[in-house]
Amino acid sequence: MAKKIAVLVRDRQAEALRMSGGLTLLDDSVEVYILDKKLENNKIIAKHLDMVQNMLGLPVFTNCKDNSYEYLTNEKLANKLLNYDIVIPY
């Protein structure tokens, strides 16, 4: 049975994005949450973000208005996280 997985991106941004893509190999549903700060702008993160968004089409959410992804307030974000089987913090 496919699991519903949320990946919380905080400090290890490149690793979190890379792992988000890898988690799709088992046909699980994966969504990405960039939390509390702007996503860093470098080649490694850009490569992993391209994979997550363009190649895999994973939804990306954020609670930081500095990011250009779908914005969620902390309250809405917390309510969404209740619906996942697994929440992985990075």
N, C-alpha and C. Protein backbone atom coordinates (compact mmCIF):
# COMPACT_ATOMS: atom_id res chain seq x y z
N MET A 1 0.85 -1.18 0.00
CA MET A 1 0.00 0.00 0.00
C MET A 1 0.89 1.24 0.00
N ALA A 2 0.60 2.18 -0.88
CA ALA A 2 1.39 3.42 -0.99
C ALA A 2 1.17 4.28 0.26
N LYS A 3 2.25 4.86 0.72
CA LYS A 3 2.22 5.76 1.88
C LYS A 3 2.16 7.20 1.40
N LYS A 4 1.65 8.06 2.25
CA LYS A 4 1.65 9.49 2.00
C LYS A 4 2.75 10.09 2.87
N ILE A 5 3.76 10.71 2.22
CA ILE A 5 4.96 11.17 2.91
C ILE A 5 5.13 12.67 2.73
N ALA A 6 5.44 13.36 3.83
CA ALA A 6 5.79 14.79 3.79
C ALA A 6 7.26 14.92 4.14
N VAL A 7 8.00 15.70 3.35
CA VAL A 7 9.40 15.98 3.63
C VAL A 7 9.50 17.44 4.03
N LEU A 8 10.00 17.70 5.25
CA LEU A 8 10.15 19.05 5.76
C LEU A 8 11.57 19.52 5.52
N VAL A 9 11.72 20.54 4.69
CA VAL A 9 13.04 21.06 4.30
C VAL A 9 13.38 22.23 5.20
N ARG A 10 14.47 22.09 5.95
CA ARG A 10 14.92 23.19 6.82
C ARG A 10 16.41 23.42 6.61
N ASP A 11 17.24 22.75 7.38
CA ASP A 11 18.68 23.04 7.39
C ASP A 11 19.44 22.34 6.27
N ARG A 12 19.16 21.10 6.00
CA ARG A 12 19.88 20.33 4.97
C ARG A 12 19.04 20.32 3.70
N GLN A 13 18.96 21.46 3.06
CA GLN A 13 18.02 21.65 1.96
C GLN A 13 18.32 20.75 0.76
N ALA A 14 19.56 20.69 0.32
CA ALA A 14 19.91 19.87 -0.84
C ALA A 14 19.63 18.40 -0.57
N GLU A 15 20.01 17.93 0.60
CA GLU A 15 19.78 16.52 0.95
C GLU A 15 18.28 16.21 1.02
N ALA A 16 17.50 17.13 1.58
CA ALA A 16 16.06 16.92 1.69
C ALA A 16 15.40 16.84 0.32
N LEU A 17 15.80 17.70 -0.59
CA LEU A 17 15.23 17.67 -1.93
C LEU A 17 15.64 16.39 -2.67
N ARG A 18 16.89 15.98 -2.52
CA ARG A 18 17.37 14.75 -3.15
C ARG A 18 16.58 13.55 -2.62
N MET A 19 16.39 13.48 -1.32
CA MET A 19 15.67 12.37 -0.71
C MET A 19 14.19 12.38 -1.11
N SER A 20 13.62 13.55 -1.32
CA SER A 20 12.23 13.64 -1.75
C SER A 20 12.04 12.91 -3.07
N GLY A 21 12.96 13.11 -3.98
CA GLY A 21 12.89 12.40 -5.25
C GLY A 21 13.08 10.91 -5.08
N GLY A 22 14.02 10.51 -4.25
CA GLY A 22 14.30 9.10 -4.03
C GLY A 22 13.13 8.36 -3.40
N LEU A 23 12.36 9.04 -2.59
CA LEU A 23 11.22 8.41 -1.93
C LEU A 23 10.12 8.01 -2.91
N THR A 24 10.13 8.58 -4.09
CA THR A 24 9.10 8.25 -5.08
C THR A 24 9.34 6.90 -5.74
N LEU A 25 10.49 6.30 -5.54
CA LEU A 25 10.82 5.04 -6.19
C LEU A 25 9.89 3.90 -5.77
N LEU A 26 9.30 4.00 -4.61
CA LEU A 26 8.38 2.96 -4.13
C LEU A 26 6.92 3.33 -4.41
N ASP A 27 6.71 4.27 -5.29
CA ASP A 27 5.37 4.73 -5.67
C ASP A 27 4.58 5.32 -4.51
N ASP A 28 5.30 5.86 -3.53
CA ASP A 28 4.63 6.57 -2.44
C ASP A 28 4.30 7.98 -2.90
N SER A 29 3.32 8.60 -2.28
CA SER A 29 2.94 9.98 -2.56
C SER A 29 3.81 10.88 -1.69
N VAL A 30 4.58 11.77 -2.32
CA VAL A 30 5.53 12.63 -1.60
C VAL A 30 5.19 14.09 -1.87
N GLU A 31 5.17 14.89 -0.80
CA GLU A 31 5.01 16.33 -0.90
C GLU A 31 6.11 16.99 -0.10
N VAL A 32 6.57 18.16 -0.58
CA VAL A 32 7.73 18.84 -0.01
C VAL A 32 7.28 20.15 0.64
N TYR A 33 7.80 20.41 1.83
CA TYR A 33 7.50 21.64 2.58
C TYR A 33 8.81 22.35 2.90
N ILE A 34 8.99 23.54 2.36
CA ILE A 34 10.18 24.35 2.65
C ILE A 34 9.79 25.28 3.79
N LEU A 35 10.44 25.09 4.94
CA LEU A 35 9.99 25.76 6.16
C LEU A 35 10.94 26.83 6.67
N ASP A 36 10.36 27.91 7.14
CA ASP A 36 10.97 28.92 8.00
C ASP A 36 12.03 29.81 7.38
N LYS A 37 12.53 29.50 6.18
CA LYS A 37 13.52 30.39 5.57
C LYS A 37 13.53 30.20 4.06
N LYS A 38 14.15 31.15 3.39
CA LYS A 38 14.25 31.11 1.93
C LYS A 38 15.13 29.95 1.49
N LEU A 39 14.72 29.30 0.43
CA LEU A 39 15.51 28.23 -0.14
C LEU A 39 16.81 28.81 -0.70
N GLU A 40 17.93 28.17 -0.38
CA GLU A 40 19.22 28.65 -0.84
C GLU A 40 19.29 28.61 -2.37
N ASN A 41 20.09 29.48 -2.94
CA ASN A 41 20.22 29.57 -4.38
C ASN A 41 21.62 29.10 -4.78
N ASN A 42 21.74 27.80 -5.11
CA ASN A 42 23.01 27.27 -5.60
C ASN A 42 22.74 26.16 -6.60
N LYS A 43 23.80 25.71 -7.29
CA LYS A 43 23.64 24.74 -8.38
C LYS A 43 23.10 23.40 -7.90
N ILE A 44 23.54 22.93 -6.75
CA ILE A 44 23.10 21.63 -6.24
C ILE A 44 21.61 21.65 -5.92
N ILE A 45 21.18 22.67 -5.21
CA ILE A 45 19.76 22.79 -4.87
C ILE A 45 18.93 22.96 -6.14
N ALA A 46 19.42 23.76 -7.08
CA ALA A 46 18.69 23.96 -8.34
C ALA A 46 18.50 22.65 -9.08
N LYS A 47 19.53 21.80 -9.09
CA LYS A 47 19.44 20.51 -9.76
C LYS A 47 18.40 19.61 -9.10
N HIS A 48 18.43 19.52 -7.77
CA HIS A 48 17.48 18.68 -7.05
C HIS A 48 16.05 19.25 -7.13
N LEU A 49 15.93 20.56 -7.10
CA LEU A 49 14.62 21.20 -7.20
C LEU A 49 14.02 20.96 -8.59
N ASP A 50 14.85 21.01 -9.62
CA ASP A 50 14.38 20.72 -10.98
C ASP A 50 13.83 19.29 -11.06
N MET A 51 14.54 18.36 -10.43
CA MET A 51 14.08 16.97 -10.42
C MET A 51 12.73 16.87 -9.70
N VAL A 52 12.64 17.48 -8.52
CA VAL A 52 11.43 17.39 -7.70
C VAL A 52 10.23 18.02 -8.41
N GLN A 53 10.42 19.20 -8.95
CA GLN A 53 9.29 19.93 -9.54
C GLN A 53 8.99 19.51 -10.97
N ASN A 54 10.01 19.53 -11.82
CA ASN A 54 9.77 19.35 -13.25
C ASN A 54 9.75 17.90 -13.70
N MET A 55 10.65 17.10 -13.19
CA MET A 55 10.70 15.70 -13.61
C MET A 55 9.67 14.84 -12.90
N LEU A 56 9.51 15.07 -11.58
CA LEU A 56 8.61 14.24 -10.78
C LEU A 56 7.26 14.89 -10.50
N GLY A 57 7.19 16.20 -10.65
CA GLY A 57 5.92 16.90 -10.42
C GLY A 57 5.43 16.88 -8.99
N LEU A 58 6.35 16.86 -8.02
CA LEU A 58 5.95 16.83 -6.62
C LEU A 58 5.45 18.20 -6.18
N PRO A 59 4.39 18.26 -5.39
CA PRO A 59 3.92 19.54 -4.86
C PRO A 59 4.93 20.11 -3.87
N VAL A 60 5.15 21.42 -3.94
CA VAL A 60 6.07 22.10 -3.02
C VAL A 60 5.30 23.23 -2.35
N PHE A 61 5.35 23.24 -1.02
CA PHE A 61 4.68 24.25 -0.21
C PHE A 61 5.71 24.96 0.66
N THR A 62 5.36 26.14 1.18
CA THR A 62 6.25 26.86 2.06
C THR A 62 5.46 27.70 3.06
N ASN A 63 6.09 27.98 4.19
CA ASN A 63 5.50 28.91 5.16
C ASN A 63 6.30 30.21 5.22
N CYS A 64 7.21 30.39 4.24
CA CYS A 64 8.05 31.57 4.16
C CYS A 64 7.69 32.33 2.88
N LYS A 65 7.24 33.55 3.03
CA LYS A 65 6.78 34.33 1.87
C LYS A 65 7.92 34.69 0.92
N ASP A 66 9.17 34.52 1.35
CA ASP A 66 10.31 34.80 0.48
C ASP A 66 10.48 33.75 -0.62
N ASN A 67 9.84 32.60 -0.46
CA ASN A 67 9.90 31.54 -1.46
C ASN A 67 8.76 31.71 -2.46
N SER A 68 8.96 31.20 -3.66
CA SER A 68 7.95 31.37 -4.72
C SER A 68 7.08 30.14 -4.91
N TYR A 69 6.82 29.42 -3.84
CA TYR A 69 6.00 28.21 -3.90
C TYR A 69 4.68 28.49 -3.21
N GLU A 70 3.77 27.53 -3.25
CA GLU A 70 2.46 27.74 -2.64
C GLU A 70 2.62 28.02 -1.14
N TYR A 71 2.16 29.20 -0.73
CA TYR A 71 2.31 29.63 0.66
C TYR A 71 1.18 29.08 1.52
N LEU A 72 1.57 28.57 2.70
CA LEU A 72 0.61 28.11 3.71
C LEU A 72 0.96 28.75 5.04
N THR A 73 -0.05 29.20 5.76
CA THR A 73 0.21 29.69 7.11
C THR A 73 0.63 28.50 7.98
N ASN A 74 1.23 28.79 9.11
CA ASN A 74 1.65 27.70 10.00
C ASN A 74 0.46 26.85 10.45
N GLU A 75 -0.68 27.47 10.65
CA GLU A 75 -1.87 26.72 11.07
C GLU A 75 -2.33 25.76 9.97
N LYS A 76 -2.40 26.25 8.74
CA LYS A 76 -2.80 25.38 7.62
C LYS A 76 -1.78 24.28 7.39
N LEU A 77 -0.51 24.63 7.52
CA LEU A 77 0.55 23.64 7.35
C LEU A 77 0.42 22.53 8.40
N ALA A 78 0.21 22.92 9.64
CA ALA A 78 0.08 21.93 10.72
C ALA A 78 -1.11 21.01 10.47
N ASN A 79 -2.22 21.57 10.02
CA ASN A 79 -3.40 20.75 9.72
C ASN A 79 -3.15 19.78 8.57
N LYS A 80 -2.41 20.22 7.55
CA LYS A 80 -2.09 19.33 6.42
C LYS A 80 -1.20 18.17 6.87
N LEU A 81 -0.25 18.46 7.76
CA LEU A 81 0.69 17.43 8.19
C LEU A 81 0.01 16.29 8.95
N LEU A 82 -1.16 16.52 9.48
CA LEU A 82 -1.90 15.48 10.19
C LEU A 82 -2.36 14.36 9.26
N ASN A 83 -2.38 14.62 7.96
CA ASN A 83 -2.91 13.65 7.00
C ASN A 83 -1.85 12.73 6.41
N TYR A 84 -0.62 12.82 6.86
CA TYR A 84 0.46 12.00 6.29
C TYR A 84 0.71 10.76 7.14
N ASP A 85 1.15 9.70 6.46
CA ASP A 85 1.56 8.49 7.17
C ASP A 85 2.95 8.69 7.79
N ILE A 86 3.81 9.41 7.07
CA ILE A 86 5.19 9.62 7.49
C ILE A 86 5.56 11.08 7.26
N VAL A 87 6.20 11.72 8.26
CA VAL A 87 6.73 13.07 8.14
C VAL A 87 8.22 13.00 8.41
N ILE A 88 9.02 13.42 7.42
CA ILE A 88 10.49 13.32 7.54
C ILE A 88 11.07 14.73 7.64
N PRO A 89 11.64 15.09 8.80
CA PRO A 89 12.25 16.41 8.94
C PRO A 89 13.72 16.40 8.54
N TYR A 90 14.14 17.40 7.79
CA TYR A 90 15.56 17.60 7.45
C TYR A 90 16.00 18.94 7.92
